[in-house]
Structures are given as structure tokens and as C-alpha cells.
PDB file of N, CA and C in Angstrom:
ATOM      1  N   MET A   1     -14.246 -10.194  -5.372  1.00  0.00           N
ATOM      2  CA  MET A   1     -12.955 -10.428  -4.755  1.00  0.00           C
ATOM      3  C   MET A   1     -12.944  -9.762  -3.388  1.00  0.00           C
ATOM      4  N   SER A   2     -12.669 -10.517  -2.349  1.00  0.00           N
ATOM      5  CA  SER A   2     -12.677  -9.940  -1.012  1.00  0.00           C
ATOM      6  C   SER A   2     -11.286  -9.465  -0.626  1.00  0.00           C
ATOM      7  N   GLU A   3     -11.262  -8.589   0.360  1.00  0.00           N
ATOM      8  CA  GLU A   3      -9.994  -8.055   0.845  1.00  0.00           C
ATOM      9  C   GLU A   3      -9.226  -9.145   1.586  1.00  0.00           C
ATOM     10  N   PRO A   4      -7.898  -9.165   1.505  1.00  0.00           N
ATOM     11  CA  PRO A   4      -7.112 -10.115   2.291  1.00  0.00           C
ATOM     12  C   PRO A   4      -7.302  -9.864   3.785  1.00  0.00           C
ATOM     13  N   GLU A   5      -7.133 -10.906   4.583  1.00  0.00           N
ATOM     14  CA  GLU A   5      -7.331 -10.796   6.035  1.00  0.00           C
ATOM     15  C   GLU A   5      -6.484  -9.691   6.643  1.00  0.00           C
ATOM     16  N   GLU A   6      -5.207  -9.592   6.258  1.00  0.00           N
ATOM     17  CA  GLU A   6      -4.342  -8.572   6.852  1.00  0.00           C
ATOM     18  C   GLU A   6      -4.801  -7.163   6.488  1.00  0.00           C
ATOM     19  N   ALA A   7      -5.403  -6.998   5.320  1.00  0.00           N
ATOM     20  CA  ALA A   7      -5.901  -5.678   4.925  1.00  0.00           C
ATOM     21  C   ALA A   7      -7.105  -5.301   5.769  1.00  0.00           C
ATOM     22  N   ARG A   8      -7.989  -6.248   6.024  1.00  0.00           N
ATOM     23  CA  ARG A   8      -9.163  -5.942   6.837  1.00  0.00           C
ATOM     24  C   ARG A   8      -8.757  -5.612   8.263  1.00  0.00           C
ATOM     25  N   VAL A   9      -7.809  -6.322   8.805  1.00  0.00           N
ATOM     26  CA  VAL A   9      -7.361  -6.068  10.170  1.00  0.00           C
ATOM     27  C   VAL A   9      -6.735  -4.690  10.278  1.00  0.00           C
ATOM     28  N   ALA A  10      -5.922  -4.319   9.307  1.00  0.00           N
ATOM     29  CA  ALA A  10      -5.246  -3.027   9.340  1.00  0.00           C
ATOM     30  C   ALA A  10      -6.158  -1.889   8.910  1.00  0.00           C
ATOM     31  N   GLY A  11      -7.345  -2.193   8.403  1.00  0.00           N
ATOM     32  CA  GLY A  11      -8.255  -1.160   7.946  1.00  0.00           C
ATOM     33  C   GLY A  11      -7.854  -0.547   6.621  1.00  0.00           C
ATOM     34  N   VAL A  12      -7.114  -1.300   5.810  1.00  0.00           N
ATOM     35  CA  VAL A  12      -6.680  -0.817   4.502  1.00  0.00           C
ATOM     36  C   VAL A  12      -7.641  -1.374   3.455  1.00  0.00           C
ATOM     37  N   PHE A  13      -8.111  -0.490   2.593  1.00  0.00           N
ATOM     38  CA  PHE A  13      -9.049  -0.870   1.550  1.00  0.00           C
ATOM     39  C   PHE A  13      -8.394  -0.656   0.194  1.00  0.00           C
ATOM     40  N   SER A  14      -8.336  -1.700  -0.609  1.00  0.00           N
ATOM     41  CA  SER A  14      -7.716  -1.589  -1.931  1.00  0.00           C
ATOM     42  C   SER A  14      -8.636  -0.834  -2.883  1.00  0.00           C
ATOM     43  N   ARG A  15      -8.057  -0.295  -3.948  1.00  0.00           N
ATOM     44  CA  ARG A  15      -8.867   0.372  -4.979  1.00  0.00           C
ATOM     45  C   ARG A  15      -9.886  -0.607  -5.564  1.00  0.00           C
ATOM     46  N   ALA A  16      -9.424  -1.825  -5.865  1.00  0.00           N
ATOM     47  CA  ALA A  16     -10.321  -2.824  -6.456  1.00  0.00           C
ATOM     48  C   ALA A  16     -11.464  -3.165  -5.502  1.00  0.00           C
ATOM     49  N   GLY A  17     -11.151  -3.287  -4.224  1.00  0.00           N
ATOM     50  CA  GLY A  17     -12.188  -3.582  -3.237  1.00  0.00           C
ATOM     51  C   GLY A  17     -13.200  -2.461  -3.118  1.00  0.00           C
ATOM     52  N   LEU A  18     -12.719  -1.219  -3.085  1.00  0.00           N
ATOM     53  CA  LEU A  18     -13.624  -0.069  -3.019  1.00  0.00           C
ATOM     54  C   LEU A  18     -14.461   0.042  -4.279  1.00  0.00           C
ATOM     55  N   LEU A  19     -13.837  -0.171  -5.415  1.00  0.00           N
ATOM     56  CA  LEU A  19     -14.556  -0.078  -6.683  1.00  0.00           C
ATOM     57  C   LEU A  19     -15.673  -1.115  -6.735  1.00  0.00           C
ATOM     58  N   GLY A  20     -15.397  -2.313  -6.252  1.00  0.00           N
ATOM     59  CA  GLY A  20     -16.398  -3.375  -6.278  1.00  0.00           C
ATOM     60  C   GLY A  20     -17.509  -3.215  -5.268  1.00  0.00           C
ATOM     61  N   LYS A  21     -17.230  -2.591  -4.123  1.00  0.00           N
ATOM     62  CA  LYS A  21     -18.225  -2.488  -3.060  1.00  0.00           C
ATOM     63  C   LYS A  21     -18.959  -1.155  -3.033  1.00  0.00           C
ATOM     64  N   VAL A  22     -18.311  -0.083  -3.454  1.00  0.00           N
ATOM     65  CA  VAL A  22     -18.882   1.253  -3.300  1.00  0.00           C
ATOM     66  C   VAL A  22     -19.409   1.812  -4.615  1.00  0.00           C
ATOM     67  N   PHE A  23     -18.732   1.530  -5.698  1.00  0.00           N
ATOM     68  CA  PHE A  23     -19.074   2.125  -6.980  1.00  0.00           C
ATOM     69  C   PHE A  23     -19.772   1.106  -7.869  1.00  0.00           C
ATOM     70  N   SER A  24     -20.524   1.598  -8.836  1.00  0.00           N
ATOM     71  CA  SER A  24     -21.210   0.698  -9.763  1.00  0.00           C
ATOM     72  C   SER A  24     -20.213   0.123 -10.769  1.00  0.00           C
ATOM     73  N   ALA A  25     -20.637  -0.914 -11.437  1.00  0.00           N
ATOM     74  CA  ALA A  25     -19.767  -1.566 -12.422  1.00  0.00           C
ATOM     75  C   ALA A  25     -19.435  -0.636 -13.583  1.00  0.00           C
ATOM     76  N   ALA A  26     -20.259   0.376 -13.806  1.00  0.00           N
ATOM     77  CA  ALA A  26     -20.035   1.304 -14.916  1.00  0.00           C
ATOM     78  C   ALA A  26     -18.931   2.311 -14.621  1.00  0.00           C
ATOM     79  N   ASP A  27     -18.591   2.485 -13.343  1.00  0.00           N
ATOM     80  CA  ASP A  27     -17.557   3.455 -12.979  1.00  0.00           C
ATOM     81  C   ASP A  27     -16.180   2.972 -13.413  1.00  0.00           C
ATOM     82  N   GLN A  28     -15.340   3.905 -13.755  1.00  0.00           N
ATOM     83  CA  GLN A  28     -13.966   3.616 -14.155  1.00  0.00           C
ATOM     84  C   GLN A  28     -13.099   3.408 -12.911  1.00  0.00           C
ATOM     85  N   PRO A  29     -11.994   2.659 -13.020  1.00  0.00           N
ATOM     86  CA  PRO A  29     -11.099   2.460 -11.879  1.00  0.00           C
ATOM     87  C   PRO A  29     -10.605   3.769 -11.264  1.00  0.00           C
ATOM     88  N   GLY A  30     -10.468   4.815 -12.068  1.00  0.00           N
ATOM     89  CA  GLY A  30     -10.019   6.110 -11.561  1.00  0.00           C
ATOM     90  C   GLY A  30     -11.041   6.816 -10.693  1.00  0.00           C
ATOM     91  N   ALA A  31     -12.278   6.305 -10.649  1.00  0.00           N
ATOM     92  CA  ALA A  31     -13.320   6.931  -9.830  1.00  0.00           C
ATOM     93  C   ALA A  31     -12.927   6.944  -8.357  1.00  0.00           C
ATOM     94  N   VAL A  32     -12.283   5.891  -7.888  1.00  0.00           N
ATOM     95  CA  VAL A  32     -11.854   5.835  -6.487  1.00  0.00           C
ATOM     96  C   VAL A  32     -10.886   6.973  -6.196  1.00  0.00           C
ATOM     97  N   ASP A  33      -9.893   7.160  -7.048  1.00  0.00           N
ATOM     98  CA  ASP A  33      -8.912   8.230  -6.846  1.00  0.00           C
ATOM     99  C   ASP A  33      -9.570   9.604  -6.867  1.00  0.00           C
ATOM    100  N   ILE A  34     -10.522   9.792  -7.762  1.00  0.00           N
ATOM    101  CA  ILE A  34     -11.217  11.078  -7.852  1.00  0.00           C
ATOM    102  C   ILE A  34     -11.984  11.364  -6.569  1.00  0.00           C
ATOM    103  N   TYR A  35     -12.702  10.383  -6.044  1.00  0.00           N
ATOM    104  CA  TYR A  35     -13.470  10.604  -4.825  1.00  0.00           C
ATOM    105  C   TYR A  35     -12.580  10.757  -3.600  1.00  0.00           C
ATOM    106  N   VAL A  36     -11.477  10.028  -3.544  1.00  0.00           N
ATOM    107  CA  VAL A  36     -10.527  10.216  -2.441  1.00  0.00           C
ATOM    108  C   VAL A  36      -9.988  11.641  -2.469  1.00  0.00           C
ATOM    109  N   HIS A  37      -9.654  12.130  -3.654  1.00  0.00           N
ATOM    110  CA  HIS A  37      -9.180  13.511  -3.792  1.00  0.00           C
ATOM    111  C   HIS A  37     -10.252  14.495  -3.320  1.00  0.00           C
ATOM    112  N   TYR A  38     -11.492  14.275  -3.716  1.00  0.00           N
ATOM    113  CA  TYR A  38     -12.596  15.150  -3.329  1.00  0.00           C
ATOM    114  C   TYR A  38     -12.783  15.154  -1.810  1.00  0.00           C
ATOM    115  N   ILE A  39     -12.770  13.976  -1.193  1.00  0.00           N
ATOM    116  CA  ILE A  39     -12.939  13.893   0.265  1.00  0.00           C
ATOM    117  C   ILE A  39     -11.791  14.593   0.978  1.00  0.00           C
ATOM    118  N   ARG A  40     -10.580  14.385   0.516  1.00  0.00           N
ATOM    119  CA  ARG A  40      -9.427  15.057   1.129  1.00  0.00           C
ATOM    120  C   ARG A  40      -9.544  16.566   1.019  1.00  0.00           C
ATOM    121  N   ARG A  41     -10.012  17.051  -0.118  1.00  0.00           N
ATOM    122  CA  ARG A  41     -10.146  18.490  -0.315  1.00  0.00           C
ATOM    123  C   ARG A  41     -11.218  19.068   0.605  1.00  0.00           C
ATOM    124  N   ARG A  42     -12.308  18.341   0.809  1.00  0.00           N
ATOM    125  CA  ARG A  42     -13.413  18.839   1.626  1.00  0.00           C
ATOM    126  C   ARG A  42     -13.182  18.631   3.123  1.00  0.00           C
ATOM    127  N   ALA A  43     -12.607  17.502   3.511  1.00  0.00           N
ATOM    128  CA  ALA A  43     -12.506  17.150   4.927  1.00  0.00           C
ATOM    129  C   ALA A  43     -11.101  17.275   5.491  1.00  0.00           C
ATOM    130  N   GLY A  44     -10.123  17.514   4.656  1.00  0.00           N
ATOM    131  CA  GLY A  44      -8.746  17.615   5.124  1.00  0.00           C
ATOM    132  C   GLY A  44      -7.913  16.440   4.657  1.00  0.00           C
ATOM    133  N   ARG A  45      -6.666  16.715   4.382  1.00  0.00           N
ATOM    134  CA  ARG A  45      -5.781  15.691   3.827  1.00  0.00           C
ATOM    135  C   ARG A  45      -5.531  14.534   4.785  1.00  0.00           C
ATOM    136  N   GLY A  46      -5.593  14.772   6.078  1.00  0.00           N
ATOM    137  CA  GLY A  46      -5.249  13.732   7.038  1.00  0.00           C
ATOM    138  C   GLY A  46      -6.317  12.687   7.272  1.00  0.00           C
ATOM    139  N   ILE A  47      -7.482  12.833   6.676  1.00  0.00           N
ATOM    140  CA  ILE A  47      -8.569  11.908   6.962  1.00  0.00           C
ATOM    141  C   ILE A  47      -8.400  10.554   6.265  1.00  0.00           C
ATOM    142  N   ILE A  48      -7.776  10.558   5.093  1.00  0.00           N
ATOM    143  CA  ILE A  48      -7.524   9.319   4.345  1.00  0.00           C
ATOM    144  C   ILE A  48      -6.033   9.230   4.067  1.00  0.00           C
ATOM    145  N   ARG A  49      -5.442   8.115   4.493  1.00  0.00           N
ATOM    146  CA  ARG A  49      -4.013   7.905   4.297  1.00  0.00           C
ATOM    147  C   ARG A  49      -3.804   6.910   3.169  1.00  0.00           C
ATOM    148  N   THR A  50      -2.884   7.219   2.273  1.00  0.00           N
ATOM    149  CA  THR A  50      -2.526   6.283   1.205  1.00  0.00           C
ATOM    150  C   THR A  50      -1.504   5.293   1.739  1.00  0.00           C
ATOM    151  N   VAL A  51      -1.799   4.016   1.605  1.00  0.00           N
ATOM    152  CA  VAL A  51      -0.866   2.950   1.969  1.00  0.00           C
ATOM    153  C   VAL A  51      -0.333   2.420   0.643  1.00  0.00           C
ATOM    154  N   HIS A  52       0.868   2.841   0.291  1.00  0.00           N
ATOM    155  CA  HIS A  52       1.434   2.517  -1.022  1.00  0.00           C
ATOM    156  C   HIS A  52       1.500   1.012  -1.244  1.00  0.00           C
ATOM    157  N   GLY A  53       1.002   0.593  -2.382  1.00  0.00           N
ATOM    158  CA  GLY A  53       0.983  -0.816  -2.744  1.00  0.00           C
ATOM    159  C   GLY A  53      -0.174  -1.592  -2.151  1.00  0.00           C
ATOM    160  N   ALA A  54      -0.999  -0.934  -1.308  1.00  0.00           N
ATOM    161  CA  ALA A  54      -2.103  -1.641  -0.666  1.00  0.00           C
ATOM    162  C   ALA A  54      -3.455  -0.961  -0.877  1.00  0.00           C
ATOM    163  N   GLY A  55      -3.518   0.365  -0.766  1.00  0.00           N
ATOM    164  CA  GLY A  55      -4.797   1.057  -0.923  1.00  0.00           C
ATOM    165  C   GLY A  55      -4.897   2.275  -0.026  1.00  0.00           C
ATOM    166  N   TYR A  56      -6.047   2.415   0.614  1.00  0.00           N
ATOM    167  CA  TYR A  56      -6.326   3.581   1.448  1.00  0.00           C
ATOM    168  C   TYR A  56      -6.742   3.142   2.842  1.00  0.00           C
ATOM    169  N   GLN A  57      -6.466   4.010   3.818  1.00  0.00           N
ATOM    170  CA  GLN A  57      -6.815   3.731   5.207  1.00  0.00           C
ATOM    171  C   GLN A  57      -7.402   4.994   5.817  1.00  0.00           C
ATOM    172  N   LEU A  58      -8.530   4.843   6.511  1.00  0.00           N
ATOM    173  CA  LEU A  58      -9.126   5.971   7.217  1.00  0.00           C
ATOM    174  C   LEU A  58      -8.378   6.189   8.519  1.00  0.00           C
ATOM    175  N   GLU A  59      -8.102   7.436   8.820  1.00  0.00           N
ATOM    176  CA  GLU A  59      -7.458   7.761  10.086  1.00  0.00           C
ATOM    177  C   GLU A  59      -8.494   7.701  11.202  1.00  0.00           C
ATOM    178  N   ASP A  60      -8.044   7.719  12.433  1.00  0.00           N
ATOM    179  CA  ASP A  60      -8.922   7.644  13.593  1.00  0.00           C
ATOM    180  C   ASP A  60      -9.845   8.856  13.608  1.00  0.00           C
ATOM    181  N   LEU A  61     -11.141   8.608  13.618  1.00  0.00           N
ATOM    182  CA  LEU A  61     -12.117   9.694  13.581  1.00  0.00           C
ATOM    183  C   LEU A  61     -12.835   9.866  14.917  1.00  0.00           C
ATOM    184  N   LEU A  62     -12.262   9.355  16.002  1.00  0.00           N
ATOM    185  CA  LEU A  62     -12.909   9.464  17.306  1.00  0.00           C
ATOM    186  C   LEU A  62     -13.166  10.903  17.709  1.00  0.00           C
ATOM    187  N   TRP A  63     -12.313  11.795  17.272  1.00  0.00           N
ATOM    188  CA  TRP A  63     -12.455  13.191  17.661  1.00  0.00           C
ATOM    189  C   TRP A  63     -13.698  13.847  17.086  1.00  0.00           C
ATOM    190  N   ILE A  64     -14.340  13.264  16.093  1.00  0.00           N
ATOM    191  CA  ILE A  64     -15.549  13.878  15.547  1.00  0.00           C
ATOM    192  C   ILE A  64     -16.824  13.197  16.028  1.00  0.00           C
ATOM    193  N   ARG A  65     -16.696  12.103  16.749  1.00  0.00           N
ATOM    194  CA  ARG A  65     -17.880  11.421  17.262  1.00  0.00           C
ATOM    195  C   ARG A  65     -18.377  12.131  18.514  1.00  0.00           C
ATOM    196  N   PRO A  66     -19.680  12.316  18.623  1.00  0.00           N
ATOM    197  CA  PRO A  66     -20.198  12.947  19.840  1.00  0.00           C
ATOM    198  C   PRO A  66     -20.000  12.026  21.038  1.00  0.00           C
ATOM    199  N   THR A  67     -19.727  12.614  22.169  1.00  0.00           N
ATOM    200  CA  THR A  67     -19.579  11.820  23.385  1.00  0.00           C
ATOM    201  C   THR A  67     -20.944  11.663  24.034  1.00  0.00           C
ATOM    202  N   PRO A  68     -21.222  10.480  24.578  1.00  0.00           N
ATOM    203  CA  PRO A  68     -22.523  10.276  25.218  1.00  0.00           C
ATOM    204  C   PRO A  68     -22.638  11.116  26.482  1.00  0.00           C
ATOM    205  N   THR A  69     -23.817  11.632  26.696  1.00  0.00           N
ATOM    206  CA  THR A  69     -24.061  12.395  27.931  1.00  0.00           C
ATOM    207  C   THR A  69     -24.775  11.491  28.903  1.00  0.00           C
ATOM    208  N   GLY A  70     -24.414  11.612  30.111  1.00  0.00           N
ATOM    209  CA  GLY A  70     -24.967  10.677  31.061  1.00  0.00           C
ATOM    210  C   GLY A  70     -25.672  11.325  32.125  1.00  0.00           C
TER     211      GLY A  70
END
């Protein structure tokens, strides 16, 4: 099952979409929530935003990308 067009444009990933693309078929649906919790605890709460009724969205991470030197 692919993500709806509006979800891809907005950068929102549903639990079902993440479960199907990132986790194995043996993983439980709650695995997504567990890993989101783990990432938030390690990297900070603001890195992943919950979009109620839709899924999860990554916040802008430009501040952690190295800038090219010229």
C-alpha cells in the first residue's frame, strides 16, 4: 500500500507505510511507535512530529547537515 499523494508532498509517513517499508513482516504494528519513542529520546522530541490521524513527519534537519566548503 503506497502513501497518498498529499502525504508524500507534506512529508507525512503513516504507521502502516513505515511498517511496510522499514520493518519486517514479523514486526508488530507497535514497533513503529516504539522506535519513534526511542529516536525522540535519543535525538530530541522535536525531530519527529506526530500528525494526528495521518502519521509522523520529520522536522527540518538542515541545521545538522554540513555546509560545503568552497
